[in-house]
C-alpha atoms as a PDB file:
ATOM      1  CA  MET A   1     167.514 168.803  81.467  1.00  0.00           C
ATOM      2  CA  LYS A   2     165.513 168.850  84.648  1.00  0.00           C
ATOM      3  CA  VAL A   3     162.700 170.723  82.920  1.00  0.00           C
ATOM      4  CA  ARG A   4     162.567 168.162  80.112  1.00  0.00           C
ATOM      5  CA  ARG A   5     162.544 165.286  82.583  1.00  0.00           C
ATOM      6  CA  ARG A   6     159.742 166.909  84.518  1.00  0.00           C
ATOM      7  CA  LEU A   7     157.750 167.423  81.339  1.00  0.00           C
ATOM      8  CA  SER A   8     158.405 163.844  80.326  1.00  0.00           C
ATOM      9  CA  CYS A   9     157.292 162.616  83.751  1.00  0.00           C
ATOM     10  CA  ILE A  10     154.184 164.793  83.651  1.00  0.00           C
ATOM     11  CA  GLY A  11     153.403 163.586  80.119  1.00  0.00           C
ATOM     12  CA  LEU A  12     153.878 159.973  81.212  1.00  0.00           C
ATOM     13  CA  VAL A  13     151.641 160.458  84.253  1.00  0.00           C
ATOM     14  CA  ALA A  14     148.970 162.138  82.102  1.00  0.00           C
ATOM     15  CA  LEU A  15     149.144 159.295  79.587  1.00  0.00           C
ATOM     16  CA  LEU A  16     148.785 156.690  82.332  1.00  0.00           C
ATOM     17  CA  ALA A  17     145.892 158.608  83.821  1.00  0.00           C
ATOM     18  CA  LEU A  18     144.092 158.757  80.479  1.00  0.00           C
ATOM     19  CA  SER A  19     144.620 155.069  79.779  1.00  0.00           C
ATOM     20  CA  GLY A  20     143.449 154.284  83.307  1.00  0.00           C
ATOM     21  CA  CYS A  21     140.243 156.310  82.735  1.00  0.00           C
ATOM     22  CA  GLY A  22     139.527 154.256  79.657  1.00  0.00           C
ATOM     23  CA  ASN A  23     139.665 151.032  81.714  1.00  0.00           C
ATOM     24  CA  GLU A  24     137.327 152.332  84.411  1.00  0.00           C
ATOM     25  CA  THR A  25     134.310 152.191  82.115  1.00  0.00           C
ATOM     26  CA  GLY A  26     133.797 148.554  83.058  1.00  0.00           C
ATOM     27  CA  PRO A  27     132.862 145.748  80.672  1.00  0.00           C
ATOM     28  CA  GLU A  28     132.234 146.847  77.129  1.00  0.00           C
ATOM     29  CA  GLU A  29     128.577 147.117  76.189  1.00  0.00           C
ATOM     30  CA  ALA A  30     127.462 145.274  73.081  1.00  0.00           C
ATOM     31  CA  GLY A  31     126.774 147.484  70.129  1.00  0.00           C
ATOM     32  CA  PRO A  32     123.593 147.287  68.061  1.00  0.00           C
ATOM     33  CA  GLU A  33     125.219 144.944  65.543  1.00  0.00           C
ATOM     34  CA  GLU A  34     126.205 142.466  68.254  1.00  0.00           C
ATOM     35  CA  ASP A  35     122.669 142.640  69.757  1.00  0.00           C
ATOM     36  CA  ALA A  36     121.183 141.783  66.382  1.00  0.00           C
ATOM     37  CA  VAL A  37     123.532 138.802  66.024  1.00  0.00           C
ATOM     38  CA  ASN A  38     122.591 137.569  69.516  1.00  0.00           C
ATOM     39  CA  GLU A  39     118.854 137.907  68.782  1.00  0.00           C
ATOM     40  CA  GLN A  40     119.266 135.975  65.537  1.00  0.00           C
ATOM     41  CA  ALA A  41     121.116 133.220  67.366  1.00  0.00           C
ATOM     42  CA  GLU A  42     118.336 132.992  69.965  1.00  0.00           C
ATOM     43  CA  ALA A  43     115.696 132.906  67.232  1.00  0.00           C
ATOM     44  CA  VAL A  44     117.534 130.088  65.434  1.00  0.00           C
ATOM     45  CA  ALA A  45     117.809 128.138  68.682  1.00  0.00           C
ATOM     46  CA  THR A  46     114.075 128.595  69.347  1.00  0.00           C
ATOM     47  CA  ASP A  47     113.204 127.496  65.818  1.00  0.00           C
ATOM     48  CA  GLU A  48     115.329 124.385  66.199  1.00  0.00           C
ATOM     49  CA  VAL A  49     113.492 123.477  69.396  1.00  0.00           C
ATOM     50  CA  GLY A  50     110.138 124.047  67.690  1.00  0.00           C
ATOM     51  CA  MET A  51     111.153 121.863  64.738  1.00  0.00           C
ATOM     52  CA  GLU A  52     111.247 118.702  66.839  1.00  0.00           C
ATOM     53  CA  PRO A  53     109.132 115.987  65.170  1.00  0.00           C
ATOM     54  CA  ALA A  54     105.518 116.136  66.391  1.00  0.00           C
ATOM     55  CA  GLU A  55     103.831 113.015  67.720  1.00  0.00           C
ATOM     56  CA  GLU A  56     102.114 111.105  64.975  1.00  0.00           C
ATOM     57  CA  VAL A  57      98.326 111.355  65.157  1.00  0.00           C
ATOM     58  CA  GLU A  58      96.652 107.992  64.784  1.00  0.00           C
ATOM     59  CA  GLU A  59      94.460 107.931  61.701  1.00  0.00           C
ATOM     60  CA  ARG A  60      91.067 106.383  62.354  1.00  0.00           C
ATOM     61  CA  GLU A  61      88.728 104.709  59.970  1.00  0.00           C
ATOM     62  CA  PRO A  62      85.440 106.691  59.995  1.00  0.00           C
ATOM     63  CA  LEU A  63      82.462 104.934  61.544  1.00  0.00           C
ATOM     64  CA  GLU A  64      79.754 104.593  58.881  1.00  0.00           C
ATOM     65  CA  VAL A  65      76.689 104.863  61.131  1.00  0.00           C
ATOM     66  CA  ASP A  66      74.034 102.203  60.558  1.00  0.00           C
ATOM     67  CA  VAL A  67      70.672 102.021  62.347  1.00  0.00           C
ATOM     68  CA  SER A  68      67.666  99.746  61.817  1.00  0.00           C
ATOM     69  CA  LEU A  69      64.369 100.233  63.611  1.00  0.00           C
ATOM     70  CA  ALA A  70      61.241  98.238  64.462  1.00  0.00           C
ATOM     71  CA  ALA A  71      58.123  99.288  66.350  1.00  0.00           C
ATOM     72  CA  THR A  72      55.290  97.264  67.860  1.00  0.00           C
ATOM     73  CA  LEU A  73      51.931  98.368  69.215  1.00  0.00           C
ATOM     74  CA  ARG A  74      51.009  96.809  72.537  1.00  0.00           C
ATOM     75  CA  ASN A  75      47.492  95.758  73.599  1.00  0.00           C
ATOM     76  CA  ASP A  76      47.108  99.116  75.393  1.00  0.00           C
ATOM     77  CA  ARG A  77      47.943 100.888  72.087  1.00  0.00           C
ATOM     78  CA  ARG A  78      51.244 102.184  73.369  1.00  0.00           C
ATOM     79  CA  LEU A  79      54.349 101.911  71.223  1.00  0.00           C
ATOM     80  CA  MET A  80      57.499  99.892  71.895  1.00  0.00           C
ATOM     81  CA  VAL A  81      60.652 100.673  69.884  1.00  0.00           C
ATOM     82  CA  GLU A  82      63.688  98.487  69.344  1.00  0.00           C
ATOM     83  CA  GLY A  83      66.518  98.404  66.865  1.00  0.00           C
ATOM     84  CA  GLU A  84      70.071  97.518  65.940  1.00  0.00           C
ATOM     85  CA  THR A  85      73.095  99.729  65.338  1.00  0.00           C
ATOM     86  CA  ASN A  86      76.847  99.618  64.877  1.00  0.00           C
ATOM     87  CA  LEU A  87      77.344 102.535  67.268  1.00  0.00           C
ATOM     88  CA  PRO A  88      79.769 101.858  70.163  1.00  0.00           C
ATOM     89  CA  GLU A  89      78.658  99.924  73.212  1.00  0.00           C
ATOM     90  CA  SER A  90      76.977 102.145  75.841  1.00  0.00           C
ATOM     91  CA  ALA A  91      76.483 105.045  73.414  1.00  0.00           C
ATOM     92  CA  ARG A  92      73.599 107.188  74.671  1.00  0.00           C
ATOM     93  CA  LEU A  93      70.586 107.499  72.385  1.00  0.00           C
ATOM     94  CA  LEU A  94      67.453 109.633  72.448  1.00  0.00           C
ATOM     95  CA  ILE A  95      64.317 108.026  70.963  1.00  0.00           C
ATOM     96  CA  VAL A  96      61.502 110.394  69.955  1.00  0.00           C
ATOM     97  CA  VAL A  97      57.991 109.433  68.838  1.00  0.00           C
ATOM     98  CA  GLU A  98      55.986 112.271  67.265  1.00  0.00           C
ATOM     99  CA  ARG A  99      52.361 112.287  66.199  1.00  0.00           C
ATOM    100  CA  GLU A 100      52.279 113.965  62.789  1.00  0.00           C
ATOM    101  CA  LEU A 101      48.780 115.463  63.126  1.00  0.00           C
ATOM    102  CA  SER A 102      49.316 117.307  66.415  1.00  0.00           C
ATOM    103  CA  GLY A 103      53.109 117.442  66.779  1.00  0.00           C
ATOM    104  CA  VAL A 104      52.839 115.901  70.263  1.00  0.00           C
ATOM    105  CA  ARG A 105      56.067 114.143  71.218  1.00  0.00           C
ATOM    106  CA  TRP A 106      57.127 111.411  73.599  1.00  0.00           C
ATOM    107  CA  GLN A 107      60.798 110.718  74.201  1.00  0.00           C
ATOM    108  CA  SER A 108      62.998 108.291  76.093  1.00  0.00           C
ATOM    109  CA  ARG A 109      66.738 107.926  76.659  1.00  0.00           C
ATOM    110  CA  THR A 110      68.438 104.579  76.236  1.00  0.00           C
ATOM    111  CA  GLU A 111      71.862 103.043  75.555  1.00  0.00           C
ATOM    112  CA  VAL A 112      73.338 100.630  73.043  1.00  0.00           C
ATOM    113  CA  GLN A 113      73.746  97.162  74.551  1.00  0.00           C
ATOM    114  CA  ASN A 114      75.283  94.368  72.461  1.00  0.00           C
ATOM    115  CA  GLY A 115      74.550  96.283  69.283  1.00  0.00           C
ATOM    116  CA  ARG A 116      70.863  96.717  70.172  1.00  0.00           C
ATOM    117  CA  PHE A 117      68.629  99.286  71.836  1.00  0.00           C
ATOM    118  CA  GLU A 118      65.032  99.446  73.029  1.00  0.00           C
ATOM    119  CA  ALA A 119      62.748 102.043  74.557  1.00  0.00           C
ATOM    120  CA  GLY A 120      59.118 102.554  75.490  1.00  0.00           C
ATOM    121  CA  PRO A 121      56.272 102.351  75.979  1.00  0.00           C
ATOM    122  CA  PHE A 122      55.423 105.614  74.191  1.00  0.00           C
ATOM    123  CA  GLY A 123      52.061 107.334  74.252  1.00  0.00           C
ATOM    124  CA  PRO A 124      49.391 108.385  76.741  1.00  0.00           C
ATOM    125  CA  GLY A 125      47.786 105.958  79.153  1.00  0.00           C
ATOM    126  CA  SER A 126      44.693 105.879  76.972  1.00  0.00           C
ATOM    127  CA  GLY A 127      46.789 104.687  74.017  1.00  0.00           C
ATOM    128  CA  LEU A 128      47.879 106.268  70.755  1.00  0.00           C
ATOM    129  CA  PRO A 129      45.075 107.406  68.451  1.00  0.00           C
ATOM    130  CA  ASP A 130      45.023 106.327  64.825  1.00  0.00           C
ATOM    131  CA  GLY A 131      47.250 108.340  62.539  1.00  0.00           C
ATOM    132  CA  GLY A 132      50.777 108.803  61.291  1.00  0.00           C
ATOM    133  CA  TYR A 133      53.792 108.804  63.610  1.00  0.00           C
ATOM    134  CA  THR A 134      57.497 109.451  63.089  1.00  0.00           C
ATOM    135  CA  ILE A 135      60.028 107.581  65.196  1.00  0.00           C
ATOM    136  CA  THR A 136      63.488 109.137  65.370  1.00  0.00           C
ATOM    137  CA  VAL A 137      66.675 107.672  66.828  1.00  0.00           C
ATOM    138  CA  ASN A 138      69.208 110.365  67.787  1.00  0.00           C
ATOM    139  CA  LEU A 139      72.842 109.998  68.747  1.00  0.00           C
ATOM    140  CA  PRO A 140      73.359 113.273  70.679  1.00  0.00           C
ATOM    141  CA  GLU A 141      76.536 115.370  70.693  1.00  0.00           C
ATOM    142  CA  ALA A 142      79.803 113.820  71.878  1.00  0.00           C
ATOM    143  CA  SER A 143      79.869 116.296  74.788  1.00  0.00           C
ATOM    144  CA  VAL A 144      77.010 114.399  76.508  1.00  0.00           C
ATOM    145  CA  GLN A 145      78.485 110.962  75.813  1.00  0.00           C
ATOM    146  CA  PRO A 146      80.674 108.977  78.257  1.00  0.00           C
ATOM    147  CA  PRO A 147      84.459 109.476  77.858  1.00  0.00           C
ATOM    148  CA  ALA A 148      84.901 106.038  76.252  1.00  0.00           C
ATOM    149  CA  ILE A 149      82.338 106.938  73.559  1.00  0.00           C
ATOM    150  CA  ARG A 150      84.026 110.296  72.904  1.00  0.00           C
ATOM    151  CA  GLU A 151      87.252 108.411  72.205  1.00  0.00           C
ATOM    152  CA  GLU A 152      85.411 106.226  69.675  1.00  0.00           C
ATOM    153  CA  ILE A 153      83.461 108.929  67.832  1.00  0.00           C
ATOM    154  CA  GLY A 154      85.748 111.936  68.449  1.00  0.00           C
ATOM    155  CA  SER A 155      85.306 114.909  70.763  1.00  0.00           C
ATOM    156  CA  GLN A 156      83.258 116.644  68.030  1.00  0.00           C
ATOM    157  CA  GLY A 157      81.854 113.480  66.448  1.00  0.00           C
ATOM    158  CA  GLU A 158      84.462 113.851  63.701  1.00  0.00           C
ATOM    159  CA  TYR A 159      84.859 110.076  63.292  1.00  0.00           C
ATOM    160  CA  LEU A 160      81.186 109.620  62.364  1.00  0.00           C
ATOM    161  CA  ALA A 161      80.345 109.225  58.680  1.00  0.00           C
ATOM    162  CA  GLY A 162      77.512 108.275  56.358  1.00  0.00           C
ATOM    163  CA  PRO A 163      74.120 109.623  55.263  1.00  0.00           C
ATOM    164  CA  LEU A 164      72.737 109.587  58.831  1.00  0.00           C
ATOM    165  CA  VAL A 165      75.405 112.035  60.055  1.00  0.00           C
ATOM    166  CA  ARG A 166      74.830 115.797  60.135  1.00  0.00           C
ATOM    167  CA  SER A 167      76.057 118.863  61.994  1.00  0.00           C
ATOM    168  CA  SER A 168      74.496 119.600  65.370  1.00  0.00           C
ATOM    169  CA  ARG A 169      72.039 122.512  65.449  1.00  0.00           C
ATOM    170  CA  HIS A 170      73.928 123.841  68.479  1.00  0.00           C
ATOM    171  CA  GLY A 171      77.315 123.860  66.720  1.00  0.00           C
ATOM    172  CA  LEU A 172      78.718 121.142  68.979  1.00  0.00           C
ATOM    173  CA  GLY A 173      80.027 118.838  66.271  1.00  0.00           C
ATOM    174  CA  GLN A 174      78.464 115.975  64.344  1.00  0.00           C
ATOM    175  CA  VAL A 175      75.482 113.886  65.424  1.00  0.00           C
ATOM    176  CA  ALA A 176      73.574 110.978  63.851  1.00  0.00           C
ATOM    177  CA  THR A 177      69.822 110.798  63.210  1.00  0.00           C
ATOM    178  CA  TYR A 178      67.603 108.082  61.765  1.00  0.00           C
ATOM    179  CA  SER A 179      63.837 108.504  61.212  1.00  0.00           C
ATOM    180  CA  ARG A 180      61.043 106.208  60.047  1.00  0.00           C
ATOM    181  CA  ARG A 181      57.302 106.728  59.586  1.00  0.00           C
ATOM    182  CA  TYR A 182      54.595 104.433  60.936  1.00  0.00           C
ATOM    183  CA  LEU A 183      50.822 104.395  60.541  1.00  0.00           C
ATOM    184  CA  ILE A 184      48.503 103.236  63.302  1.00  0.00           C
ATOM    185  CA  GLY A 185      44.989 102.172  62.362  1.00  0.00           C
ATOM    186  CA  ASN A 186      43.231 102.302  59.006  1.00  0.00           C
ATOM    187  CA  GLU A 187      43.675 105.998  58.238  1.00  0.00           C
ATOM    188  CA  PRO A 188      44.399 106.254  54.499  1.00  0.00           C
ATOM    189  CA  ARG A 189      47.905 107.235  53.510  1.00  0.00           C
ATOM    190  CA  ARG A 190      48.186 110.839  52.391  1.00  0.00           C
ATOM    191  CA  THR A 191      51.740 110.622  51.031  1.00  0.00           C
ATOM    192  CA  SER A 192      53.803 108.267  48.956  1.00  0.00           C
ATOM    193  CA  ASP A 193      56.514 107.997  51.637  1.00  0.00           C
ATOM    194  CA  GLU A 194      57.551 104.564  52.822  1.00  0.00           C
ATOM    195  CA  VAL A 195      55.397 103.882  55.856  1.00  0.00           C
ATOM    196  CA  GLU A 196      54.664 100.758  57.864  1.00  0.00           C
ATOM    197  CA  VAL A 197      51.187 100.093  59.182  1.00  0.00           C
ATOM    198  CA  LEU A 198      51.069  98.912  62.787  1.00  0.00           C
ATOM    199  CA  GLY A 199      48.278  96.821  64.189  1.00  0.00           C
ATOM    200  CA  VAL A 200      47.610  95.869  67.773  1.00  0.00           C
ATOM    201  CA  GLU A 201      49.401  92.608  68.634  1.00  0.00           C
END
């Protein structure tokens, strides 16, 4: 009897010891299946956050660029340029006058004021010689425009439209360009292009 009780006690102690060892492993680690479930739950939560409605982007009506140009020859045979445009107020413009025969250029920067612009006088002190000239009005890239103009035309000029609009040669967005030919003096016309003859006023 005593032997059986001792064996029973030893068996009970061994059983308690084994069950106690099982509890000393600490908190159960998640198996691979539980990890996968947790990752999926996190992914779903992230997707739900990302699916919040984005702010509506205001759609703008494109600005159909319009420019008109007039040139006058002063008594000293230097050229004055003025014109009208629907470009935003204070937009920066670059006016270029080029002599067709020699390729010599004169340029001046100006701004739109009340829908108008003017620049000059163009030409050397001795006056412009007879011949053909091209006057070009350029709206440079948005990056060189004031912040208020960038808001109107877009940071890449994307709100500009119409036949005067083209891509910048430097890859900086859209720009606008308008050109017109003028003839000074009595040199005969060599082309059939539309050209205006300027006389000294």
